[in-house]
Amino acid sequence: MQKRSPHGSRTRTGRQSSGPSGTGGPASATPRTAPSARSARPAAAPPSVPPAPEALAACARQAGLTVPEQALQPLGLYLTELIRWNSVMNLVGARDWREALANLAGDSFHLAAFLADLPLPEAPLHWDLGSGAGLPGIPLRMVWDRGDYWLVEAREKRALFLSRMLCSLRLPRTHVYRGRVEQFFGTQPRGADCVISRAFMPPETLLPLLAPHLTPDGLVILLCNRLPAALPPGWERVMDRDYNVRRPAKAASPAGETRRFLAVRPDCAAARAASAPLPSPDTSSREE
């Protein structure tokens, strides 16, 4: 119902509008936004056109990366979609594809070289836990296509992004699982040959969790800024490697940074020793 005010304008009467939560509560007492702020235009969406392969290759060289020619087109598409989705989902800290390549996707190409030097079977089963925006897994699969690769992500929106990217990129034998890792373990017909973790859990929590779900020679690859001072009991170091990250000159923190890969596995010798039967007591020297 409306009635005219003494000044001739119409005023509303009757039920109040619901509160900010939309649950029918009392209207908020917060003053309305000023017209000048309300009329401000939203920031423009990031461009959806992937960078030219030549520009991508030049940026990779500046970052000290070796990206095969056949990976340039899918990498450009991935970086463009990453930045576009990032504008509404806050997937990563990078704000343009150049920064995302040097500071994030670059890890994947260093990791491919590291995996090639590890004692892995010809067709390993990989688990990438807490995949988030698909780093390092999606760029990695552009250059490392051995075996099957599972991206495991519990958060629904991030898992949706991963699924959309896999539909677009058609990466070989690469899959997404949306759910907790404890649930994921129950879906796998066998243990993993290689588990990749980028800040998913601290090593002292992660490694005991994974121990029952690895093959006898299974490896866990940790991406870290510094090596742990010690491993949990029953684990041994297989190999580690440092590499340098060169950021673009226009990045917020253009200085370089050293990062590390660490490959570990259950200590088979210690496990055998722990499970070996105790020797029988020697009674030959006892006096009658």
C-alpha atoms as a PDB file:
ATOM      1  CA  MET A   1       0.000   0.000   0.000  1.00  0.00           C
ATOM      2  CA  GLN A   2       1.260   3.478  -0.870  1.00  0.00           C
ATOM      3  CA  LYS A   3       0.280   6.933   0.376  1.00  0.00           C
ATOM      4  CA  ARG A   4       1.452  10.377  -0.464  1.00  0.00           C
ATOM      5  CA  SER A   5       3.723  12.163   1.964  1.00  0.00           C
ATOM      6  CA  PRO A   6       3.131  15.800   2.914  1.00  0.00           C
ATOM      7  CA  HIS A   7       5.793  16.755   0.358  1.00  0.00           C
ATOM      8  CA  GLY A   8       3.973  15.067  -2.478  1.00  0.00           C
ATOM      9  CA  SER A   9       6.244  12.026  -2.869  1.00  0.00           C
ATOM     10  CA  ARG A  10       5.002   8.478  -2.410  1.00  0.00           C
ATOM     11  CA  THR A  11       6.127   6.412   0.593  1.00  0.00           C
ATOM     12  CA  ARG A  12       5.721   2.653   1.148  1.00  0.00           C
ATOM     13  CA  THR A  13       3.955   1.174   4.119  1.00  0.00           C
ATOM     14  CA  GLY A  14       3.383  -2.389   5.209  1.00  0.00           C
ATOM     15  CA  ARG A  15       5.845  -5.285   5.566  1.00  0.00           C
ATOM     16  CA  GLN A  16       9.539  -4.504   5.915  1.00  0.00           C
ATOM     17  CA  SER A  17      12.040  -6.024   3.567  1.00  0.00           C
ATOM     18  CA  SER A  18      14.097  -8.957   4.724  1.00  0.00           C
ATOM     19  CA  GLY A  19      17.564  -8.520   6.167  1.00  0.00           C
ATOM     20  CA  PRO A  20      20.837  -9.182   4.427  1.00  0.00           C
ATOM     21  CA  SER A  21      20.607 -12.914   5.055  1.00  0.00           C
ATOM     22  CA  GLY A  22      17.337 -13.203   3.166  1.00  0.00           C
ATOM     23  CA  THR A  23      15.633 -14.997   6.059  1.00  0.00           C
ATOM     24  CA  GLY A  24      12.902 -12.464   6.622  1.00  0.00           C
ATOM     25  CA  GLY A  25      14.612 -10.690   9.518  1.00  0.00           C
ATOM     26  CA  PRO A  26      14.383  -6.958  10.177  1.00  0.00           C
ATOM     27  CA  ALA A  27      15.778  -4.627   7.572  1.00  0.00           C
ATOM     28  CA  SER A  28      19.352  -3.540   8.067  1.00  0.00           C
ATOM     29  CA  ALA A  29      19.951  -0.162   9.651  1.00  0.00           C
ATOM     30  CA  THR A  30      23.085   0.326   7.566  1.00  0.00           C
ATOM     31  CA  PRO A  31      22.763   3.440   5.362  1.00  0.00           C
ATOM     32  CA  ARG A  32      22.283   2.796   1.678  1.00  0.00           C
ATOM     33  CA  THR A  33      25.297   2.989  -0.598  1.00  0.00           C
ATOM     34  CA  ALA A  34      25.866   6.431  -2.024  1.00  0.00           C
ATOM     35  CA  PRO A  35      24.718   6.775  -5.648  1.00  0.00           C
ATOM     36  CA  SER A  36      28.244   7.509  -6.868  1.00  0.00           C
ATOM     37  CA  ALA A  37      29.603   4.253  -5.397  1.00  0.00           C
ATOM     38  CA  ARG A  38      26.545   2.273  -6.497  1.00  0.00           C
ATOM     39  CA  SER A  39      26.937   3.387 -10.084  1.00  0.00           C
ATOM     40  CA  ALA A  40      30.624   2.487 -10.271  1.00  0.00           C
ATOM     41  CA  ARG A  41      31.339  -0.083 -12.932  1.00  0.00           C
ATOM     42  CA  PRO A  42      32.791  -3.479 -11.936  1.00  0.00           C
ATOM     43  CA  ALA A  43      36.329  -4.307 -12.945  1.00  0.00           C
ATOM     44  CA  ALA A  44      36.666  -5.686 -16.440  1.00  0.00           C
ATOM     45  CA  ALA A  45      36.942  -9.460 -16.719  1.00  0.00           C
ATOM     46  CA  PRO A  46      40.354 -10.827 -17.669  1.00  0.00           C
ATOM     47  CA  PRO A  47      40.789 -11.503 -21.407  1.00  0.00           C
ATOM     48  CA  SER A  48      39.723 -14.950 -22.556  1.00  0.00           C
ATOM     49  CA  VAL A  49      42.062 -15.145 -25.554  1.00  0.00           C
ATOM     50  CA  PRO A  50      45.116 -17.332 -24.821  1.00  0.00           C
ATOM     51  CA  PRO A  51      48.561 -15.780 -25.384  1.00  0.00           C
ATOM     52  CA  ALA A  52      50.291 -16.493 -28.644  1.00  0.00           C
ATOM     53  CA  PRO A  53      52.651 -19.498 -28.486  1.00  0.00           C
ATOM     54  CA  GLU A  54      55.581 -17.196 -29.329  1.00  0.00           C
ATOM     55  CA  ALA A  55      54.818 -14.917 -26.369  1.00  0.00           C
ATOM     56  CA  LEU A  56      54.372 -17.911 -24.083  1.00  0.00           C
ATOM     57  CA  ALA A  57      57.684 -19.439 -25.217  1.00  0.00           C
ATOM     58  CA  ALA A  58      59.510 -16.143 -24.674  1.00  0.00           C
ATOM     59  CA  CYS A  59      58.077 -15.806 -21.148  1.00  0.00           C
ATOM     60  CA  ALA A  60      59.069 -19.401 -20.382  1.00  0.00           C
ATOM     61  CA  ARG A  61      62.656 -18.756 -21.482  1.00  0.00           C
ATOM     62  CA  GLN A  62      62.840 -15.659 -19.266  1.00  0.00           C
ATOM     63  CA  ALA A  63      61.667 -17.810 -16.360  1.00  0.00           C
ATOM     64  CA  GLY A  64      64.341 -20.424 -17.089  1.00  0.00           C
ATOM     65  CA  LEU A  65      61.790 -23.040 -18.170  1.00  0.00           C
ATOM     66  CA  THR A  66      61.969 -25.600 -20.942  1.00  0.00           C
ATOM     67  CA  VAL A  67      58.465 -26.024 -22.375  1.00  0.00           C
ATOM     68  CA  PRO A  68      58.122 -28.365 -25.375  1.00  0.00           C
ATOM     69  CA  GLU A  69      56.500 -26.816 -28.426  1.00  0.00           C
ATOM     70  CA  GLN A  70      53.546 -29.216 -28.332  1.00  0.00           C
ATOM     71  CA  ALA A  71      52.698 -28.038 -24.791  1.00  0.00           C
ATOM     72  CA  LEU A  72      52.519 -24.320 -25.613  1.00  0.00           C
ATOM     73  CA  GLN A  73      48.950 -24.255 -26.922  1.00  0.00           C
ATOM     74  CA  PRO A  74      47.340 -26.273 -24.087  1.00  0.00           C
ATOM     75  CA  LEU A  75      49.441 -24.397 -21.535  1.00  0.00           C
ATOM     76  CA  GLY A  76      48.233 -21.053 -22.907  1.00  0.00           C
ATOM     77  CA  LEU A  77      44.616 -22.204 -22.689  1.00  0.00           C
ATOM     78  CA  TYR A  78      45.076 -23.440 -19.122  1.00  0.00           C
ATOM     79  CA  LEU A  79      46.746 -20.227 -17.916  1.00  0.00           C
ATOM     80  CA  THR A  80      44.059 -18.077 -19.543  1.00  0.00           C
ATOM     81  CA  GLU A  81      41.228 -20.057 -17.937  1.00  0.00           C
ATOM     82  CA  LEU A  82      43.066 -20.096 -14.612  1.00  0.00           C
ATOM     83  CA  ILE A  83      43.228 -16.298 -14.523  1.00  0.00           C
ATOM     84  CA  ARG A  84      39.644 -15.943 -15.777  1.00  0.00           C
ATOM     85  CA  TRP A  85      38.235 -18.272 -13.091  1.00  0.00           C
ATOM     86  CA  ASN A  86      40.548 -16.698 -10.536  1.00  0.00           C
ATOM     87  CA  SER A  87      38.708 -13.389 -10.893  1.00  0.00           C
ATOM     88  CA  VAL A  88      35.617 -14.926  -9.249  1.00  0.00           C
ATOM     89  CA  MET A  89      36.965 -17.907  -7.257  1.00  0.00           C
ATOM     90  CA  ASN A  90      40.347 -16.764  -5.894  1.00  0.00           C
ATOM     91  CA  LEU A  91      42.092 -19.933  -7.031  1.00  0.00           C
ATOM     92  CA  VAL A  92      45.666 -18.607  -6.904  1.00  0.00           C
ATOM     93  CA  GLY A  93      47.571 -15.481  -5.989  1.00  0.00           C
ATOM     94  CA  ALA A  94      48.719 -14.684  -9.533  1.00  0.00           C
ATOM     95  CA  ARG A  95      46.864 -11.938 -11.388  1.00  0.00           C
ATOM     96  CA  ASP A  96      48.100 -12.489 -14.960  1.00  0.00           C
ATOM     97  CA  TRP A  97      49.276 -15.448 -17.023  1.00  0.00           C
ATOM     98  CA  ARG A  98      52.936 -14.399 -16.988  1.00  0.00           C
ATOM     99  CA  GLU A  99      53.084 -14.465 -13.203  1.00  0.00           C
ATOM    100  CA  ALA A 100      51.125 -17.738 -13.114  1.00  0.00           C
ATOM    101  CA  LEU A 101      53.582 -19.339 -15.540  1.00  0.00           C
ATOM    102  CA  ALA A 102      56.759 -18.289 -13.746  1.00  0.00           C
ATOM    103  CA  ASN A 103      55.604 -18.637 -10.148  1.00  0.00           C
ATOM    104  CA  LEU A 104      53.164 -21.578 -10.338  1.00  0.00           C
ATOM    105  CA  ALA A 105      53.089 -23.636 -13.535  1.00  0.00           C
ATOM    106  CA  GLY A 106      56.874 -23.587 -13.790  1.00  0.00           C
ATOM    107  CA  ASP A 107      57.071 -26.095 -10.927  1.00  0.00           C
ATOM    108  CA  SER A 108      55.381 -28.666 -13.165  1.00  0.00           C
ATOM    109  CA  PHE A 109      58.131 -28.624 -15.796  1.00  0.00           C
ATOM    110  CA  HIS A 110      60.875 -28.951 -13.190  1.00  0.00           C
ATOM    111  CA  LEU A 111      58.880 -31.791 -11.634  1.00  0.00           C
ATOM    112  CA  ALA A 112      58.689 -33.672 -14.947  1.00  0.00           C
ATOM    113  CA  ALA A 113      62.492 -33.756 -15.116  1.00  0.00           C
ATOM    114  CA  PHE A 114      62.662 -34.894 -11.484  1.00  0.00           C
ATOM    115  CA  LEU A 115      60.179 -37.745 -12.036  1.00  0.00           C
ATOM    116  CA  ALA A 116      62.152 -38.947 -15.050  1.00  0.00           C
ATOM    117  CA  ASP A 117      65.147 -39.623 -12.777  1.00  0.00           C
ATOM    118  CA  LEU A 118      63.203 -41.579 -10.135  1.00  0.00           C
ATOM    119  CA  PRO A 119      62.828 -45.384  -9.965  1.00  0.00           C
ATOM    120  CA  LEU A 120      59.207 -45.493 -11.151  1.00  0.00           C
ATOM    121  CA  PRO A 121      57.530 -48.263 -13.178  1.00  0.00           C
ATOM    122  CA  GLU A 122      56.806 -47.737 -16.865  1.00  0.00           C
ATOM    123  CA  ALA A 123      53.121 -46.949 -16.243  1.00  0.00           C
ATOM    124  CA  PRO A 124      52.911 -45.585 -12.689  1.00  0.00           C
ATOM    125  CA  LEU A 125      49.707 -44.799 -10.852  1.00  0.00           C
ATOM    126  CA  HIS A 126      49.913 -41.203  -9.586  1.00  0.00           C
ATOM    127  CA  TRP A 127      47.813 -39.554  -6.915  1.00  0.00           C
ATOM    128  CA  ASP A 128      47.920 -35.742  -6.693  1.00  0.00           C
ATOM    129  CA  LEU A 129      46.399 -34.856  -3.314  1.00  0.00           C
ATOM    130  CA  GLY A 130      44.745 -31.494  -2.673  1.00  0.00           C
ATOM    131  CA  SER A 131      45.030 -30.480  -6.329  1.00  0.00           C
ATOM    132  CA  GLY A 132      43.334 -27.088  -5.926  1.00  0.00           C
ATOM    133  CA  ALA A 133      43.698 -25.245  -9.230  1.00  0.00           C
ATOM    134  CA  GLY A 134      45.479 -28.171 -10.871  1.00  0.00           C
ATOM    135  CA  LEU A 135      49.029 -27.298  -9.892  1.00  0.00           C
ATOM    136  CA  PRO A 136      51.321 -29.034 -10.482  1.00  0.00           C
ATOM    137  CA  GLY A 137      49.186 -31.772 -12.064  1.00  0.00           C
ATOM    138  CA  ILE A 138      47.604 -30.200 -15.152  1.00  0.00           C
ATOM    139  CA  PRO A 139      50.735 -28.618 -16.690  1.00  0.00           C
ATOM    140  CA  LEU A 140      52.711 -31.700 -15.639  1.00  0.00           C
ATOM    141  CA  ARG A 141      50.458 -33.988 -17.677  1.00  0.00           C
ATOM    142  CA  MET A 142      51.177 -31.931 -20.779  1.00  0.00           C
ATOM    143  CA  VAL A 143      54.756 -33.209 -20.706  1.00  0.00           C
ATOM    144  CA  TRP A 144      54.658 -36.281 -18.414  1.00  0.00           C
ATOM    145  CA  ASP A 145      51.996 -38.677 -19.676  1.00  0.00           C
ATOM    146  CA  ARG A 146      53.148 -41.985 -18.212  1.00  0.00           C
ATOM    147  CA  GLY A 147      50.532 -44.073 -16.411  1.00  0.00           C
ATOM    148  CA  ASP A 148      47.308 -42.797 -14.819  1.00  0.00           C
ATOM    149  CA  TYR A 149      47.053 -39.566 -12.878  1.00  0.00           C
ATOM    150  CA  TRP A 150      44.346 -38.701 -10.321  1.00  0.00           C
ATOM    151  CA  LEU A 151      43.672 -35.113  -9.228  1.00  0.00           C
ATOM    152  CA  VAL A 152      42.031 -35.349  -5.790  1.00  0.00           C
ATOM    153  CA  GLU A 153      40.205 -32.248  -4.552  1.00  0.00           C
ATOM    154  CA  ALA A 154      37.533 -32.026  -1.833  1.00  0.00           C
ATOM    155  CA  ARG A 155      36.315 -28.487  -2.595  1.00  0.00           C
ATOM    156  CA  GLU A 156      33.454 -28.552  -5.079  1.00  0.00           C
ATOM    157  CA  LYS A 157      34.199 -25.380  -7.065  1.00  0.00           C
ATOM    158  CA  ARG A 158      37.844 -26.255  -7.519  1.00  0.00           C
ATOM    159  CA  ALA A 159      36.944 -29.777  -8.567  1.00  0.00           C
ATOM    160  CA  LEU A 160      34.540 -28.282 -11.113  1.00  0.00           C
ATOM    161  CA  PHE A 161      37.343 -26.134 -12.516  1.00  0.00           C
ATOM    162  CA  LEU A 162      39.577 -29.197 -12.799  1.00  0.00           C
ATOM    163  CA  SER A 163      36.858 -31.166 -14.609  1.00  0.00           C
ATOM    164  CA  ARG A 164      36.234 -28.317 -17.050  1.00  0.00           C
ATOM    165  CA  MET A 165      39.943 -28.059 -17.822  1.00  0.00           C
ATOM    166  CA  LEU A 166      40.296 -31.784 -18.439  1.00  0.00           C
ATOM    167  CA  CYS A 167      37.326 -31.679 -20.826  1.00  0.00           C
ATOM    168  CA  SER A 168      39.008 -28.853 -22.756  1.00  0.00           C
ATOM    169  CA  LEU A 169      42.576 -30.148 -22.724  1.00  0.00           C
ATOM    170  CA  ARG A 170      41.973 -33.902 -23.232  1.00  0.00           C
ATOM    171  CA  LEU A 171      45.003 -34.854 -21.162  1.00  0.00           C
ATOM    172  CA  PRO A 172      45.752 -38.583 -21.430  1.00  0.00           C
ATOM    173  CA  ARG A 173      44.625 -40.874 -18.577  1.00  0.00           C
ATOM    174  CA  THR A 174      44.072 -37.932 -16.226  1.00  0.00           C
ATOM    175  CA  HIS A 175      41.070 -37.989 -13.880  1.00  0.00           C
ATOM    176  CA  VAL A 176      39.418 -35.890 -11.157  1.00  0.00           C
ATOM    177  CA  TYR A 177      38.032 -37.180  -7.873  1.00  0.00           C
ATOM    178  CA  ARG A 178      35.926 -34.781  -5.794  1.00  0.00           C
ATOM    179  CA  GLY A 179      36.032 -35.808  -2.155  1.00  0.00           C
ATOM    180  CA  ARG A 180      38.282 -36.396   0.807  1.00  0.00           C
ATOM    181  CA  VAL A 181      41.412 -38.445   0.405  1.00  0.00           C
ATOM    182  CA  GLU A 182      40.177 -41.017   2.912  1.00  0.00           C
ATOM    183  CA  GLN A 183      37.188 -41.677   0.640  1.00  0.00           C
ATOM    184  CA  PHE A 184      39.372 -41.674  -2.451  1.00  0.00           C
ATOM    185  CA  PHE A 185      41.593 -44.445  -1.090  1.00  0.00           C
ATOM    186  CA  GLY A 186      38.586 -46.756  -1.020  1.00  0.00           C
ATOM    187  CA  THR A 187      37.924 -46.234  -4.746  1.00  0.00           C
ATOM    188  CA  GLN A 188      41.376 -47.359  -5.891  1.00  0.00           C
ATOM    189  CA  PRO A 189      41.975 -50.979  -6.907  1.00  0.00           C
ATOM    190  CA  ARG A 190      45.609 -50.879  -5.794  1.00  0.00           C
ATOM    191  CA  GLY A 191      48.201 -48.757  -4.070  1.00  0.00           C
ATOM    192  CA  ALA A 192      49.898 -45.758  -5.639  1.00  0.00           C
ATOM    193  CA  ASP A 193      53.333 -45.847  -7.249  1.00  0.00           C
ATOM    194  CA  CYS A 194      53.746 -42.090  -6.831  1.00  0.00           C
ATOM    195  CA  VAL A 195      51.920 -39.629  -4.563  1.00  0.00           C
ATOM    196  CA  ILE A 196      52.473 -35.907  -5.164  1.00  0.00           C
ATOM    197  CA  SER A 197      51.783 -33.388  -2.408  1.00  0.00           C
ATOM    198  CA  ARG A 198      52.147 -29.636  -2.588  1.00  0.00           C
ATOM    199  CA  ALA A 199      51.541 -28.302   0.931  1.00  0.00           C
ATOM    200  CA  PHE A 200      48.591 -30.675   1.367  1.00  0.00           C
ATOM    201  CA  MET A 201      49.574 -31.809   4.869  1.00  0.00           C
ATOM    202  CA  PRO A 202      52.719 -31.598   6.994  1.00  0.00           C
ATOM    203  CA  PRO A 203      55.002 -34.600   6.299  1.00  0.00           C
ATOM    204  CA  GLU A 204      54.642 -35.902   9.849  1.00  0.00           C
ATOM    205  CA  THR A 205      50.867 -36.205   9.259  1.00  0.00           C
ATOM    206  CA  LEU A 206      50.816 -37.102   5.573  1.00  0.00           C
ATOM    207  CA  LEU A 207      53.358 -39.914   5.455  1.00  0.00           C
ATOM    208  CA  PRO A 208      51.783 -42.148   8.135  1.00  0.00           C
ATOM    209  CA  LEU A 209      48.420 -41.617   6.401  1.00  0.00           C
ATOM    210  CA  LEU A 210      49.840 -42.774   3.058  1.00  0.00           C
ATOM    211  CA  ALA A 211      51.967 -45.681   4.243  1.00  0.00           C
ATOM    212  CA  PRO A 212      49.212 -48.349   3.946  1.00  0.00           C
ATOM    213  CA  HIS A 213      48.184 -47.115   0.478  1.00  0.00           C
ATOM    214  CA  LEU A 214      51.484 -47.335  -1.419  1.00  0.00           C
ATOM    215  CA  THR A 215      52.908 -50.155  -3.481  1.00  0.00           C
ATOM    216  CA  PRO A 216      55.985 -51.824  -1.915  1.00  0.00           C
ATOM    217  CA  ASP A 217      58.253 -49.480  -3.929  1.00  0.00           C
ATOM    218  CA  GLY A 218      55.872 -46.498  -3.870  1.00  0.00           C
ATOM    219  CA  LEU A 219      57.250 -42.973  -3.602  1.00  0.00           C
ATOM    220  CA  VAL A 220      55.896 -39.757  -2.088  1.00  0.00           C
ATOM    221  CA  ILE A 221      57.021 -36.500  -3.730  1.00  0.00           C
ATOM    222  CA  LEU A 222      56.932 -33.406  -1.529  1.00  0.00           C
ATOM    223  CA  LEU A 223      57.100 -29.927  -3.092  1.00  0.00           C
ATOM    224  CA  CYS A 224      58.523 -27.650  -0.426  1.00  0.00           C
ATOM    225  CA  ASN A 225      60.500 -24.476   0.161  1.00  0.00           C
ATOM    226  CA  ARG A 226      62.781 -26.233   2.621  1.00  0.00           C
ATOM    227  CA  LEU A 227      63.518 -29.835   3.431  1.00  0.00           C
ATOM    228  CA  PRO A 228      62.089 -31.216   6.675  1.00  0.00           C
ATOM    229  CA  ALA A 229      64.632 -31.579   9.442  1.00  0.00           C
ATOM    230  CA  ALA A 230      63.687 -35.233   9.917  1.00  0.00           C
ATOM    231  CA  LEU A 231      61.297 -37.787   8.481  1.00  0.00           C
ATOM    232  CA  PRO A 232      58.808 -39.783  10.551  1.00  0.00           C
ATOM    233  CA  PRO A 233      60.118 -43.140  11.768  1.00  0.00           C
ATOM    234  CA  GLY A 234      60.093 -45.828   9.103  1.00  0.00           C
ATOM    235  CA  TRP A 235      60.716 -43.501   6.136  1.00  0.00           C
ATOM    236  CA  GLU A 236      63.828 -42.931   4.066  1.00  0.00           C
ATOM    237  CA  ARG A 237      64.946 -40.231   1.674  1.00  0.00           C
ATOM    238  CA  VAL A 238      65.346 -41.351  -1.953  1.00  0.00           C
ATOM    239  CA  MET A 239      66.341 -38.155  -3.770  1.00  0.00           C
ATOM    240  CA  ASP A 240      65.949 -34.401  -3.512  1.00  0.00           C
ATOM    241  CA  ARG A 241      66.607 -31.547  -5.906  1.00  0.00           C
ATOM    242  CA  ASP A 242      66.678 -27.763  -5.730  1.00  0.00           C
ATOM    243  CA  TYR A 243      65.543 -25.469  -8.511  1.00  0.00           C
ATOM    244  CA  ASN A 244      65.279 -21.719  -8.929  1.00  0.00           C
ATOM    245  CA  VAL A 245      62.126 -19.734  -9.686  1.00  0.00           C
ATOM    246  CA  ARG A 246      62.625 -16.564 -11.732  1.00  0.00           C
ATOM    247  CA  ARG A 247      59.666 -14.225 -11.498  1.00  0.00           C
ATOM    248  CA  PRO A 248      58.778 -11.592 -14.142  1.00  0.00           C
ATOM    249  CA  ALA A 249      60.240  -8.140 -13.597  1.00  0.00           C
ATOM    250  CA  LYS A 250      56.745  -6.689 -13.079  1.00  0.00           C
ATOM    251  CA  ALA A 251      55.750  -9.242 -10.433  1.00  0.00           C
ATOM    252  CA  ALA A 252      54.986  -8.102  -6.895  1.00  0.00           C
ATOM    253  CA  SER A 253      58.110  -9.945  -5.651  1.00  0.00           C
ATOM    254  CA  PRO A 254      60.437 -10.169  -8.672  1.00  0.00           C
ATOM    255  CA  ALA A 255      63.354 -11.657  -6.749  1.00  0.00           C
ATOM    256  CA  GLY A 256      64.205 -15.310  -7.402  1.00  0.00           C
ATOM    257  CA  GLU A 257      63.366 -18.109  -5.007  1.00  0.00           C
ATOM    258  CA  THR A 258      64.778 -21.577  -4.377  1.00  0.00           C
ATOM    259  CA  ARG A 259      62.331 -24.470  -4.116  1.00  0.00           C
ATOM    260  CA  ARG A 260      62.838 -28.184  -3.596  1.00  0.00           C
ATOM    261  CA  PHE A 261      61.498 -31.604  -4.452  1.00  0.00           C
ATOM    262  CA  LEU A 262      61.930 -34.421  -1.972  1.00  0.00           C
ATOM    263  CA  ALA A 263      61.174 -38.057  -2.832  1.00  0.00           C
ATOM    264  CA  VAL A 264      60.718 -40.434   0.115  1.00  0.00           C
ATOM    265  CA  ARG A 265      59.488 -43.986   0.608  1.00  0.00           C
ATOM    266  CA  PRO A 266      58.868 -46.390   3.455  1.00  0.00           C
ATOM    267  CA  ASP A 267      62.113 -47.821   4.773  1.00  0.00           C
ATOM    268  CA  CYS A 268      61.832 -51.416   3.563  1.00  0.00           C
ATOM    269  CA  ALA A 269      64.890 -52.540   5.503  1.00  0.00           C
ATOM    270  CA  ALA A 270      63.495 -51.149   8.739  1.00  0.00           C
ATOM    271  CA  ALA A 271      60.117 -52.720   8.029  1.00  0.00           C
ATOM    272  CA  ARG A 272      61.694 -56.132   7.393  1.00  0.00           C
ATOM    273  CA  ALA A 273      63.739 -55.864  10.546  1.00  0.00           C
ATOM    274  CA  ALA A 274      60.666 -54.968  12.563  1.00  0.00           C
ATOM    275  CA  SER A 275      58.707 -57.913  11.173  1.00  0.00           C
ATOM    276  CA  ALA A 276      61.507 -60.500  11.383  1.00  0.00           C
ATOM    277  CA  PRO A 277      60.955 -63.247  13.969  1.00  0.00           C
ATOM    278  CA  LEU A 278      63.040 -63.032  17.090  1.00  0.00           C
ATOM    279  CA  PRO A 279      65.948 -65.537  17.190  1.00  0.00           C
ATOM    280  CA  SER A 280      65.593 -68.539  19.439  1.00  0.00           C
ATOM    281  CA  PRO A 281      67.620 -68.312  22.639  1.00  0.00           C
ATOM    282  CA  ASP A 282      70.996 -70.053  22.405  1.00  0.00           C
ATOM    283  CA  THR A 283      71.201 -72.738  25.063  1.00  0.00           C
ATOM    284  CA  SER A 284      74.292 -74.583  23.791  1.00  0.00           C
ATOM    285  CA  SER A 285      76.626 -72.847  26.216  1.00  0.00           C
ATOM    286  CA  ARG A 286      74.517 -73.339  29.299  1.00  0.00           C
ATOM    287  CA  GLU A 287      75.980 -75.481  32.045  1.00  0.00           C
ATOM    288  CA  GLU A 288      74.111 -78.620  33.013  1.00  0.00           C
END
